[in-house]
Amino acid sequence: MPGQGRLMLAAALMAGAAILSAADAAIVRLLAGGVHPFVIGFFRGFFGLLFVLPWIASRPGMLRSHYRFMHVARAGLKLLSLICFFIAFGAAPLADATAIVFTGPIFLTLGAWLLLGERLGAARVFAVIAGFSGAMIVLQPGNSEGVSPALLFALAGAALTAVVQLMLKVMSARDNTDTLVAWNLILIVPLALIPAIAVWTTPTLFELGLLVAQGIFGALNMTFVTRALGMADASFLAPLDFLRLPAVAIFAFILFGEIAGPLTWIGAAVIFGATLIAAGGGWLARLRVRLWPF
């Protein structure tokens, strides 16, 4: 495929991944109140694993890994981050929660500095300050109602995702991406089943259909992003992730009558601009785009 055609296809795949992420968030809101976040986490992992199981079965060699406990710990933290996001999407305005999700790479930058000894530099220090300033614009801690607890769950989910990605940075030195993805999908299902049993309610057929769609969307999201990164640089693709916010805003308006306020858009723009500065075209950009949870 000619170079220009590859870039256009990569951009289309990345845009599709952003829309799938928005649909995922909307599904969580539709399920809120009827299906517990723990149960959503189990079914999302279960149906996602079923969707990619033929791919894993066709390449059994990908399961050879240099890590054991770290895979379990990473899957547990990933599950916890997803549950935080599910709680946030179920209770907070979708656009606000999505804007807070974009703080993940800011936490990743801080974690790389604190835990891996990465050098920050003036640009990344500015990005961290700007990113959290944008988060404060969305959170509005000074308003009469105070900070929404649901948005704090979104912030916690973003921080946990950053920890997971720092673990992936270490593990990717010896395991390839396919191995990391496969073990994550395999381990999340039994880990998610444990808390899900404690709050189990059998989903209705409609809810089950939404859960199936969510699992498929998650697997397709991963596939789209992986294919896109094989065709174009992460620095070209990263800005397309911001399409997730207008897509979420459209879903929120059509399905729930929510209208994102100006502070949400301003805060999200500040956060997203800061993440691009923080990424700086290095491994943070590649890791963030490749392995972002939604």
C-alpha atoms as a PDB file:
ATOM      1  CA  MET A   1       0.000   0.000   0.000  1.00  0.00           C
ATOM      2  CA  PRO A   2       1.404   3.446  -0.896  1.00  0.00           C
ATOM      3  CA  GLY A   3       2.679   5.542   2.021  1.00  0.00           C
ATOM      4  CA  GLN A   4      -0.195   8.025   1.930  1.00  0.00           C
ATOM      5  CA  GLY A   5      -2.752   5.230   1.839  1.00  0.00           C
ATOM      6  CA  ARG A   6      -1.139   3.541   4.844  1.00  0.00           C
ATOM      7  CA  LEU A   7      -1.289   6.769   6.825  1.00  0.00           C
ATOM      8  CA  MET A   8      -4.953   7.280   5.974  1.00  0.00           C
ATOM      9  CA  LEU A   9      -5.818   3.709   6.936  1.00  0.00           C
ATOM     10  CA  ALA A  10      -3.857   4.020  10.189  1.00  0.00           C
ATOM     11  CA  ALA A  11      -5.690   7.257  10.996  1.00  0.00           C
ATOM     12  CA  ALA A  12      -9.041   5.615  10.232  1.00  0.00           C
ATOM     13  CA  LEU A  13      -8.211   2.670  12.510  1.00  0.00           C
ATOM     14  CA  MET A  14      -7.150   4.997  15.322  1.00  0.00           C
ATOM     15  CA  ALA A  15     -10.309   7.069  14.923  1.00  0.00           C
ATOM     16  CA  GLY A  16     -12.323   3.847  14.985  1.00  0.00           C
ATOM     17  CA  ALA A  17     -10.598   2.843  18.218  1.00  0.00           C
ATOM     18  CA  ALA A  18     -11.545   6.191  19.766  1.00  0.00           C
ATOM     19  CA  ILE A  19     -15.189   5.682  18.796  1.00  0.00           C
ATOM     20  CA  LEU A  20     -15.138   2.138  20.197  1.00  0.00           C
ATOM     21  CA  SER A  21     -13.759   3.503  23.470  1.00  0.00           C
ATOM     22  CA  ALA A  22     -16.595   6.025  23.584  1.00  0.00           C
ATOM     23  CA  ALA A  23     -19.140   3.277  22.903  1.00  0.00           C
ATOM     24  CA  ASP A  24     -17.585   1.227  25.696  1.00  0.00           C
ATOM     25  CA  ALA A  25     -18.142   4.083  28.157  1.00  0.00           C
ATOM     26  CA  ALA A  26     -21.740   4.517  26.975  1.00  0.00           C
ATOM     27  CA  ILE A  27     -22.405   0.795  27.476  1.00  0.00           C
ATOM     28  CA  VAL A  28     -21.133   1.032  31.048  1.00  0.00           C
ATOM     29  CA  ARG A  29     -23.590   3.875  31.696  1.00  0.00           C
ATOM     30  CA  LEU A  30     -26.448   1.832  30.178  1.00  0.00           C
ATOM     31  CA  LEU A  31     -25.565  -1.059  32.474  1.00  0.00           C
ATOM     32  CA  ALA A  32     -25.229   1.144  35.575  1.00  0.00           C
ATOM     33  CA  GLY A  33     -27.737   0.263  38.287  1.00  0.00           C
ATOM     34  CA  GLY A  34     -28.556  -3.100  36.758  1.00  0.00           C
ATOM     35  CA  VAL A  35     -25.145  -4.776  36.663  1.00  0.00           C
ATOM     36  CA  HIS A  36     -22.512  -4.297  39.381  1.00  0.00           C
ATOM     37  CA  PRO A  37     -19.117  -2.940  38.211  1.00  0.00           C
ATOM     38  CA  PHE A  38     -17.464  -6.174  39.438  1.00  0.00           C
ATOM     39  CA  VAL A  39     -19.771  -8.203  37.203  1.00  0.00           C
ATOM     40  CA  ILE A  40     -19.153  -5.850  34.278  1.00  0.00           C
ATOM     41  CA  GLY A  41     -15.415  -6.369  34.776  1.00  0.00           C
ATOM     42  CA  PHE A  42     -15.830 -10.155  34.654  1.00  0.00           C
ATOM     43  CA  PHE A  43     -17.992 -10.229  31.543  1.00  0.00           C
ATOM     44  CA  ARG A  44     -15.859  -7.662  29.743  1.00  0.00           C
ATOM     45  CA  GLY A  45     -12.808  -9.838  30.296  1.00  0.00           C
ATOM     46  CA  PHE A  46     -14.668 -13.080  29.553  1.00  0.00           C
ATOM     47  CA  PHE A  47     -16.190 -12.025  26.229  1.00  0.00           C
ATOM     48  CA  GLY A  48     -13.016 -10.190  25.218  1.00  0.00           C
ATOM     49  CA  LEU A  49     -11.016 -13.367  25.835  1.00  0.00           C
ATOM     50  CA  LEU A  50     -13.513 -15.477  23.867  1.00  0.00           C
ATOM     51  CA  PHE A  51     -13.191 -13.085  20.934  1.00  0.00           C
ATOM     52  CA  VAL A  52      -9.373 -13.347  20.744  1.00  0.00           C
ATOM     53  CA  LEU A  53      -9.022 -16.968  21.931  1.00  0.00           C
ATOM     54  CA  PRO A  54      -8.627 -18.335  18.363  1.00  0.00           C
ATOM     55  CA  TRP A  55      -5.727 -15.906  17.865  1.00  0.00           C
ATOM     56  CA  ILE A  56      -4.079 -17.068  21.098  1.00  0.00           C
ATOM     57  CA  ALA A  57      -4.703 -20.755  20.289  1.00  0.00           C
ATOM     58  CA  SER A  58      -3.125 -20.382  16.846  1.00  0.00           C
ATOM     59  CA  ARG A  59       0.078 -19.077  18.404  1.00  0.00           C
ATOM     60  CA  PRO A  60       0.712 -21.121  21.574  1.00  0.00           C
ATOM     61  CA  GLY A  61       4.339 -20.021  21.646  1.00  0.00           C
ATOM     62  CA  MET A  62       3.269 -16.519  22.623  1.00  0.00           C
ATOM     63  CA  LEU A  63       2.416 -17.753  26.131  1.00  0.00           C
ATOM     64  CA  ARG A  64       6.069 -18.419  26.958  1.00  0.00           C
ATOM     65  CA  SER A  65       7.011 -15.697  29.405  1.00  0.00           C
ATOM     66  CA  HIS A  66       9.889 -14.669  31.643  1.00  0.00           C
ATOM     67  CA  TYR A  67       7.435 -13.431  34.280  1.00  0.00           C
ATOM     68  CA  ARG A  68       4.845 -15.117  36.487  1.00  0.00           C
ATOM     69  CA  PHE A  69       3.884 -13.120  39.546  1.00  0.00           C
ATOM     70  CA  MET A  70       4.194  -9.830  37.658  1.00  0.00           C
ATOM     71  CA  HIS A  71       1.572 -10.978  35.139  1.00  0.00           C
ATOM     72  CA  VAL A  72      -0.847 -11.715  37.985  1.00  0.00           C
ATOM     73  CA  ALA A  73      -0.099  -8.435  39.748  1.00  0.00           C
ATOM     74  CA  ARG A  74      -0.449  -6.476  36.504  1.00  0.00           C
ATOM     75  CA  ALA A  75      -3.766  -8.136  35.639  1.00  0.00           C
ATOM     76  CA  GLY A  76      -5.082  -7.438  39.140  1.00  0.00           C
ATOM     77  CA  LEU A  77      -4.147  -3.765  38.944  1.00  0.00           C
ATOM     78  CA  LYS A  78      -5.585  -3.535  35.430  1.00  0.00           C
ATOM     79  CA  LEU A  79      -8.854  -5.025  36.666  1.00  0.00           C
ATOM     80  CA  LEU A  80      -8.944  -2.576  39.577  1.00  0.00           C
ATOM     81  CA  SER A  81      -8.381   0.346  37.209  1.00  0.00           C
ATOM     82  CA  LEU A  82     -11.203  -0.852  34.950  1.00  0.00           C
ATOM     83  CA  ILE A  83     -13.581  -1.131  37.890  1.00  0.00           C
ATOM     84  CA  CYS A  84     -12.695   2.439  38.906  1.00  0.00           C
ATOM     85  CA  PHE A  85     -13.506   3.571  35.376  1.00  0.00           C
ATOM     86  CA  PHE A  86     -16.768   1.613  35.370  1.00  0.00           C
ATOM     87  CA  ILE A  87     -17.839   3.304  38.613  1.00  0.00           C
ATOM     88  CA  ALA A  88     -16.948   6.705  37.167  1.00  0.00           C
ATOM     89  CA  PHE A  89     -18.727   6.148  33.855  1.00  0.00           C
ATOM     90  CA  GLY A  90     -21.756   4.785  35.662  1.00  0.00           C
ATOM     91  CA  ALA A  91     -22.225   7.799  37.940  1.00  0.00           C
ATOM     92  CA  ALA A  92     -20.424  10.884  36.542  1.00  0.00           C
ATOM     93  CA  PRO A  93     -21.186  12.824  33.357  1.00  0.00           C
ATOM     94  CA  LEU A  94     -19.534  10.790  30.610  1.00  0.00           C
ATOM     95  CA  ALA A  95     -17.604  13.687  29.074  1.00  0.00           C
ATOM     96  CA  ASP A  96     -16.227  14.758  32.471  1.00  0.00           C
ATOM     97  CA  ALA A  97     -15.096  11.223  33.314  1.00  0.00           C
ATOM     98  CA  THR A  98     -13.488  10.838  29.885  1.00  0.00           C
ATOM     99  CA  ALA A  99     -11.621  14.110  30.311  1.00  0.00           C
ATOM    100  CA  ILE A 100     -10.192  12.874  33.617  1.00  0.00           C
ATOM    101  CA  VAL A 101      -9.136   9.601  31.965  1.00  0.00           C
ATOM    102  CA  PHE A 102      -6.736  11.646  29.818  1.00  0.00           C
ATOM    103  CA  THR A 103      -4.636  12.373  32.946  1.00  0.00           C
ATOM    104  CA  GLY A 104      -3.218   8.836  32.733  1.00  0.00           C
ATOM    105  CA  PRO A 105      -0.081   9.819  30.807  1.00  0.00           C
ATOM    106  CA  ILE A 106       0.580  12.614  33.325  1.00  0.00           C
ATOM    107  CA  PHE A 107       0.647  10.031  36.125  1.00  0.00           C
ATOM    108  CA  LEU A 108       2.804   7.891  33.840  1.00  0.00           C
ATOM    109  CA  THR A 109       5.323  10.715  33.467  1.00  0.00           C
ATOM    110  CA  LEU A 110       5.507  11.181  37.240  1.00  0.00           C
ATOM    111  CA  GLY A 111       5.833   7.450  37.820  1.00  0.00           C
ATOM    112  CA  ALA A 112       8.618   7.119  35.267  1.00  0.00           C
ATOM    113  CA  TRP A 113      10.499   9.858  37.098  1.00  0.00           C
ATOM    114  CA  LEU A 114       9.894   8.498  40.603  1.00  0.00           C
ATOM    115  CA  LEU A 115      10.241   4.767  39.946  1.00  0.00           C
ATOM    116  CA  LEU A 116      12.324   4.357  36.798  1.00  0.00           C
ATOM    117  CA  GLY A 117      14.612   7.361  37.139  1.00  0.00           C
ATOM    118  CA  GLU A 118      13.423   8.956  33.889  1.00  0.00           C
ATOM    119  CA  ARG A 119      14.553  12.538  33.480  1.00  0.00           C
ATOM    120  CA  LEU A 120      11.701  15.031  33.505  1.00  0.00           C
ATOM    121  CA  GLY A 121      13.132  18.185  31.948  1.00  0.00           C
ATOM    122  CA  ALA A 122      11.437  21.573  31.822  1.00  0.00           C
ATOM    123  CA  ALA A 123       8.883  20.591  29.155  1.00  0.00           C
ATOM    124  CA  ARG A 124       7.597  17.597  31.100  1.00  0.00           C
ATOM    125  CA  VAL A 125       7.499  19.507  34.386  1.00  0.00           C
ATOM    126  CA  PHE A 126       5.324  22.078  32.612  1.00  0.00           C
ATOM    127  CA  ALA A 127       3.201  19.261  31.152  1.00  0.00           C
ATOM    128  CA  VAL A 128       2.606  17.726  34.594  1.00  0.00           C
ATOM    129  CA  ILE A 129       1.582  21.070  36.095  1.00  0.00           C
ATOM    130  CA  ALA A 130      -0.637  21.879  33.107  1.00  0.00           C
ATOM    131  CA  GLY A 131      -2.191  18.410  33.094  1.00  0.00           C
ATOM    132  CA  PHE A 132      -3.250  18.536  36.720  1.00  0.00           C
ATOM    133  CA  SER A 133      -4.424  22.120  36.269  1.00  0.00           C
ATOM    134  CA  GLY A 134      -6.686  20.867  33.486  1.00  0.00           C
ATOM    135  CA  ALA A 135      -7.950  18.129  35.805  1.00  0.00           C
ATOM    136  CA  MET A 136      -8.815  20.774  38.424  1.00  0.00           C
ATOM    137  CA  ILE A 137     -10.810  22.680  35.785  1.00  0.00           C
ATOM    138  CA  VAL A 138     -12.925  19.550  35.195  1.00  0.00           C
ATOM    139  CA  LEU A 139     -13.149  18.529  38.855  1.00  0.00           C
ATOM    140  CA  GLN A 140     -14.101  22.070  39.982  1.00  0.00           C
ATOM    141  CA  PRO A 141     -13.114  21.549  43.637  1.00  0.00           C
ATOM    142  CA  GLY A 142     -14.275  25.040  44.574  1.00  0.00           C
ATOM    143  CA  ASN A 143     -17.895  24.693  43.487  1.00  0.00           C
ATOM    144  CA  SER A 144     -20.757  24.519  45.967  1.00  0.00           C
ATOM    145  CA  GLU A 145     -21.257  20.750  45.547  1.00  0.00           C
ATOM    146  CA  GLY A 146     -17.583  19.852  45.930  1.00  0.00           C
ATOM    147  CA  VAL A 147     -15.651  17.305  43.899  1.00  0.00           C
ATOM    148  CA  SER A 148     -17.727  14.460  42.482  1.00  0.00           C
ATOM    149  CA  PRO A 149     -16.685  11.150  44.128  1.00  0.00           C
ATOM    150  CA  ALA A 150     -17.288   9.411  40.788  1.00  0.00           C
ATOM    151  CA  LEU A 151     -14.696  11.645  39.109  1.00  0.00           C
ATOM    152  CA  LEU A 152     -12.224  10.765  41.867  1.00  0.00           C
ATOM    153  CA  PHE A 153     -12.696   7.132  40.836  1.00  0.00           C
ATOM    154  CA  ALA A 154     -11.796   8.167  37.270  1.00  0.00           C
ATOM    155  CA  LEU A 155      -8.658   9.861  38.617  1.00  0.00           C
ATOM    156  CA  ALA A 156      -7.771   6.742  40.628  1.00  0.00           C
ATOM    157  CA  GLY A 157      -8.302   4.596  37.541  1.00  0.00           C
ATOM    158  CA  ALA A 158      -5.954   6.814  35.543  1.00  0.00           C
ATOM    159  CA  ALA A 159      -3.288   6.542  38.257  1.00  0.00           C
ATOM    160  CA  LEU A 160      -3.631   2.747  38.447  1.00  0.00           C
ATOM    161  CA  THR A 161      -3.377   2.492  34.662  1.00  0.00           C
ATOM    162  CA  ALA A 162      -0.121   4.430  34.837  1.00  0.00           C
ATOM    163  CA  VAL A 163       1.243   1.897  37.347  1.00  0.00           C
ATOM    164  CA  VAL A 164       0.243  -0.935  35.015  1.00  0.00           C
ATOM    165  CA  GLN A 165       2.005   0.726  32.106  1.00  0.00           C
ATOM    166  CA  LEU A 166       5.166   1.223  34.148  1.00  0.00           C
ATOM    167  CA  MET A 167       5.116  -2.513  34.868  1.00  0.00           C
ATOM    168  CA  LEU A 168       4.698  -3.126  31.148  1.00  0.00           C
ATOM    169  CA  LYS A 169       7.714  -0.934  30.467  1.00  0.00           C
ATOM    170  CA  VAL A 170       9.819  -3.242  32.639  1.00  0.00           C
ATOM    171  CA  MET A 171       8.251  -6.476  31.369  1.00  0.00           C
ATOM    172  CA  SER A 172       8.507  -5.528  27.687  1.00  0.00           C
ATOM    173  CA  ALA A 173      12.277  -5.797  27.972  1.00  0.00           C
ATOM    174  CA  ARG A 174      11.959  -9.604  27.926  1.00  0.00           C
ATOM    175  CA  ASP A 175       8.390 -10.374  26.766  1.00  0.00           C
ATOM    176  CA  ASN A 176       6.907  -9.194  23.462  1.00  0.00           C
ATOM    177  CA  THR A 177       3.643  -7.289  23.177  1.00  0.00           C
ATOM    178  CA  ASP A 178       1.599 -10.322  22.077  1.00  0.00           C
ATOM    179  CA  THR A 179       2.674 -12.252  25.181  1.00  0.00           C
ATOM    180  CA  LEU A 180       1.819  -9.348  27.474  1.00  0.00           C
ATOM    181  CA  VAL A 181      -1.609  -8.885  25.900  1.00  0.00           C
ATOM    182  CA  ALA A 182      -2.441 -12.612  25.924  1.00  0.00           C
ATOM    183  CA  TRP A 183      -1.558 -13.142  29.592  1.00  0.00           C
ATOM    184  CA  ASN A 184      -3.485 -10.037  30.590  1.00  0.00           C
ATOM    185  CA  LEU A 185      -6.637 -11.334  28.876  1.00  0.00           C
ATOM    186  CA  ILE A 186      -6.244 -14.835  30.309  1.00  0.00           C
ATOM    187  CA  LEU A 187      -5.632 -13.768  33.909  1.00  0.00           C
ATOM    188  CA  ILE A 188      -8.213 -11.012  34.214  1.00  0.00           C
ATOM    189  CA  VAL A 189     -11.119 -13.470  33.821  1.00  0.00           C
ATOM    190  CA  PRO A 190     -10.467 -15.634  36.931  1.00  0.00           C
ATOM    191  CA  LEU A 191      -9.346 -12.596  38.937  1.00  0.00           C
ATOM    192  CA  ALA A 192     -12.536 -10.732  38.030  1.00  0.00           C
ATOM    193  CA  LEU A 193     -14.728 -13.744  38.843  1.00  0.00           C
ATOM    194  CA  ILE A 194     -13.717 -13.707  42.534  1.00  0.00           C
ATOM    195  CA  PRO A 195     -15.275 -10.320  43.467  1.00  0.00           C
ATOM    196  CA  ALA A 196     -18.072 -10.760  40.903  1.00  0.00           C
ATOM    197  CA  ILE A 197     -19.398 -13.867  42.700  1.00  0.00           C
ATOM    198  CA  ALA A 198     -19.874 -11.856  45.905  1.00  0.00           C
ATOM    199  CA  VAL A 199     -22.266  -9.414  44.204  1.00  0.00           C
ATOM    200  CA  TRP A 200     -23.572 -11.653  41.442  1.00  0.00           C
ATOM    201  CA  THR A 201     -26.868 -10.964  39.725  1.00  0.00           C
ATOM    202  CA  THR A 202     -27.628 -12.693  36.439  1.00  0.00           C
ATOM    203  CA  PRO A 203     -27.862 -10.108  33.635  1.00  0.00           C
ATOM    204  CA  THR A 204     -31.015  -9.862  31.554  1.00  0.00           C
ATOM    205  CA  LEU A 205     -30.802 -10.770  27.870  1.00  0.00           C
ATOM    206  CA  PHE A 206     -30.533  -7.081  26.970  1.00  0.00           C
ATOM    207  CA  GLU A 207     -27.752  -6.542  29.520  1.00  0.00           C
ATOM    208  CA  LEU A 208     -25.996  -9.686  28.341  1.00  0.00           C
ATOM    209  CA  GLY A 209     -26.106  -8.368  24.771  1.00  0.00           C
ATOM    210  CA  LEU A 210     -24.500  -5.125  25.918  1.00  0.00           C
ATOM    211  CA  LEU A 211     -21.809  -7.071  27.783  1.00  0.00           C
ATOM    212  CA  VAL A 212     -21.052  -9.161  24.686  1.00  0.00           C
ATOM    213  CA  ALA A 213     -20.777  -5.979  22.621  1.00  0.00           C
ATOM    214  CA  GLN A 214     -18.484  -4.432  25.219  1.00  0.00           C
ATOM    215  CA  GLY A 215     -16.136  -7.417  25.167  1.00  0.00           C
ATOM    216  CA  ILE A 216     -16.008  -7.403  21.369  1.00  0.00           C
ATOM    217  CA  PHE A 217     -15.485  -3.635  21.259  1.00  0.00           C
ATOM    218  CA  GLY A 218     -12.586  -3.955  23.700  1.00  0.00           C
ATOM    219  CA  ALA A 219     -10.901  -6.650  21.611  1.00  0.00           C
ATOM    220  CA  LEU A 220     -11.482  -4.717  18.376  1.00  0.00           C
ATOM    221  CA  ASN A 221     -10.086  -1.592  20.016  1.00  0.00           C
ATOM    222  CA  MET A 222      -6.876  -3.436  20.834  1.00  0.00           C
ATOM    223  CA  THR A 223      -6.697  -4.826  17.285  1.00  0.00           C
ATOM    224  CA  PHE A 224      -7.299  -1.447  15.633  1.00  0.00           C
ATOM    225  CA  VAL A 225      -4.648   0.294  17.731  1.00  0.00           C
ATOM    226  CA  THR A 226      -2.084  -2.451  17.172  1.00  0.00           C
ATOM    227  CA  ARG A 227      -2.643  -2.434  13.406  1.00  0.00           C
ATOM    228  CA  ALA A 228      -2.526   1.376  13.291  1.00  0.00           C
ATOM    229  CA  LEU A 229       0.788   1.461  15.135  1.00  0.00           C
ATOM    230  CA  GLY A 230       2.186  -0.986  12.614  1.00  0.00           C
ATOM    231  CA  MET A 231       1.424   1.502   9.823  1.00  0.00           C
ATOM    232  CA  ALA A 232       2.242   4.910  11.306  1.00  0.00           C
ATOM    233  CA  ASP A 233       4.237   6.556  14.081  1.00  0.00           C
ATOM    234  CA  ALA A 234       2.674   7.016  17.489  1.00  0.00           C
ATOM    235  CA  SER A 235       3.386  10.753  17.317  1.00  0.00           C
ATOM    236  CA  PHE A 236       1.081  10.942  14.260  1.00  0.00           C
ATOM    237  CA  LEU A 237      -1.645   8.780  15.803  1.00  0.00           C
ATOM    238  CA  ALA A 238      -1.709  10.090  19.381  1.00  0.00           C
ATOM    239  CA  PRO A 239      -3.731  13.283  18.702  1.00  0.00           C
ATOM    240  CA  LEU A 240      -6.516  11.177  17.182  1.00  0.00           C
ATOM    241  CA  ASP A 241      -7.197   9.745  20.631  1.00  0.00           C
ATOM    242  CA  PHE A 242      -8.825  13.072  21.508  1.00  0.00           C
ATOM    243  CA  LEU A 243     -11.684  12.113  19.161  1.00  0.00           C
ATOM    244  CA  ARG A 244     -12.852   9.971  22.058  1.00  0.00           C
ATOM    245  CA  LEU A 245     -14.198  13.041  23.870  1.00  0.00           C
ATOM    246  CA  PRO A 246     -16.517  14.391  21.137  1.00  0.00           C
ATOM    247  CA  ALA A 247     -17.637  10.807  20.438  1.00  0.00           C
ATOM    248  CA  VAL A 248     -18.485  10.333  24.118  1.00  0.00           C
ATOM    249  CA  ALA A 249     -20.253  13.711  24.163  1.00  0.00           C
ATOM    250  CA  ILE A 250     -22.411  12.641  21.208  1.00  0.00           C
ATOM    251  CA  PHE A 251     -23.311   9.290  22.808  1.00  0.00           C
ATOM    252  CA  ALA A 252     -24.043  11.034  26.124  1.00  0.00           C
ATOM    253  CA  PHE A 253     -26.361  13.546  24.460  1.00  0.00           C
ATOM    254  CA  ILE A 254     -28.236  11.006  22.327  1.00  0.00           C
ATOM    255  CA  LEU A 255     -28.632   8.330  25.004  1.00  0.00           C
ATOM    256  CA  PHE A 256     -28.805  10.304  28.254  1.00  0.00           C
ATOM    257  CA  GLY A 257     -29.475  13.920  27.336  1.00  0.00           C
ATOM    258  CA  GLU A 258     -26.153  15.058  28.834  1.00  0.00           C
ATOM    259  CA  ILE A 259     -24.541  18.228  27.486  1.00  0.00           C
ATOM    260  CA  ALA A 260     -20.866  18.784  28.264  1.00  0.00           C
ATOM    261  CA  GLY A 261     -20.199  22.243  29.687  1.00  0.00           C
ATOM    262  CA  PRO A 262     -17.457  24.612  28.493  1.00  0.00           C
ATOM    263  CA  LEU A 263     -15.227  23.843  31.491  1.00  0.00           C
ATOM    264  CA  THR A 264     -15.206  20.174  30.499  1.00  0.00           C
ATOM    265  CA  TRP A 265     -13.951  21.009  26.995  1.00  0.00           C
ATOM    266  CA  ILE A 266     -11.411  23.548  28.257  1.00  0.00           C
ATOM    267  CA  GLY A 267     -10.085  21.216  30.939  1.00  0.00           C
ATOM    268  CA  ALA A 268      -9.924  18.275  28.551  1.00  0.00           C
ATOM    269  CA  ALA A 269      -8.042  20.332  25.952  1.00  0.00           C
ATOM    270  CA  VAL A 270      -5.507  21.428  28.585  1.00  0.00           C
ATOM    271  CA  ILE A 271      -5.066  17.856  29.820  1.00  0.00           C
ATOM    272  CA  PHE A 272      -4.698  16.408  26.338  1.00  0.00           C
ATOM    273  CA  GLY A 273      -2.242  19.079  25.231  1.00  0.00           C
ATOM    274  CA  ALA A 274      -0.198  18.367  28.343  1.00  0.00           C
ATOM    275  CA  THR A 275      -0.153  14.621  27.601  1.00  0.00           C
ATOM    276  CA  LEU A 276       1.249  15.271  24.133  1.00  0.00           C
ATOM    277  CA  ILE A 277       4.014  17.404  25.617  1.00  0.00           C
ATOM    278  CA  ALA A 278       4.696  14.797  28.315  1.00  0.00           C
ATOM    279  CA  ALA A 279       4.883  11.986  25.754  1.00  0.00           C
ATOM    280  CA  GLY A 280       7.406  13.894  23.676  1.00  0.00           C
ATOM    281  CA  GLY A 281       7.454  11.228  20.971  1.00  0.00           C
ATOM    282  CA  GLY A 282       9.339   8.779  23.212  1.00  0.00           C
ATOM    283  CA  TRP A 283       8.404   5.470  24.843  1.00  0.00           C
ATOM    284  CA  LEU A 284       5.642   7.152  26.832  1.00  0.00           C
ATOM    285  CA  ALA A 285       3.822   8.012  23.609  1.00  0.00           C
ATOM    286  CA  ARG A 286       4.232   4.516  22.195  1.00  0.00           C
ATOM    287  CA  LEU A 287       3.185   2.827  25.419  1.00  0.00           C
ATOM    288  CA  ARG A 288       0.216   5.080  26.030  1.00  0.00           C
ATOM    289  CA  VAL A 289      -1.280   4.684  22.562  1.00  0.00           C
ATOM    290  CA  ARG A 290      -0.625   0.962  22.363  1.00  0.00           C
ATOM    291  CA  LEU A 291      -1.965  -0.089  25.742  1.00  0.00           C
ATOM    292  CA  TRP A 292      -4.524   2.486  26.874  1.00  0.00           C
ATOM    293  CA  PRO A 293      -7.436   0.621  28.497  1.00  0.00           C
ATOM    294  CA  PHE A 294     -10.374   2.156  26.633  1.00  0.00           C
END
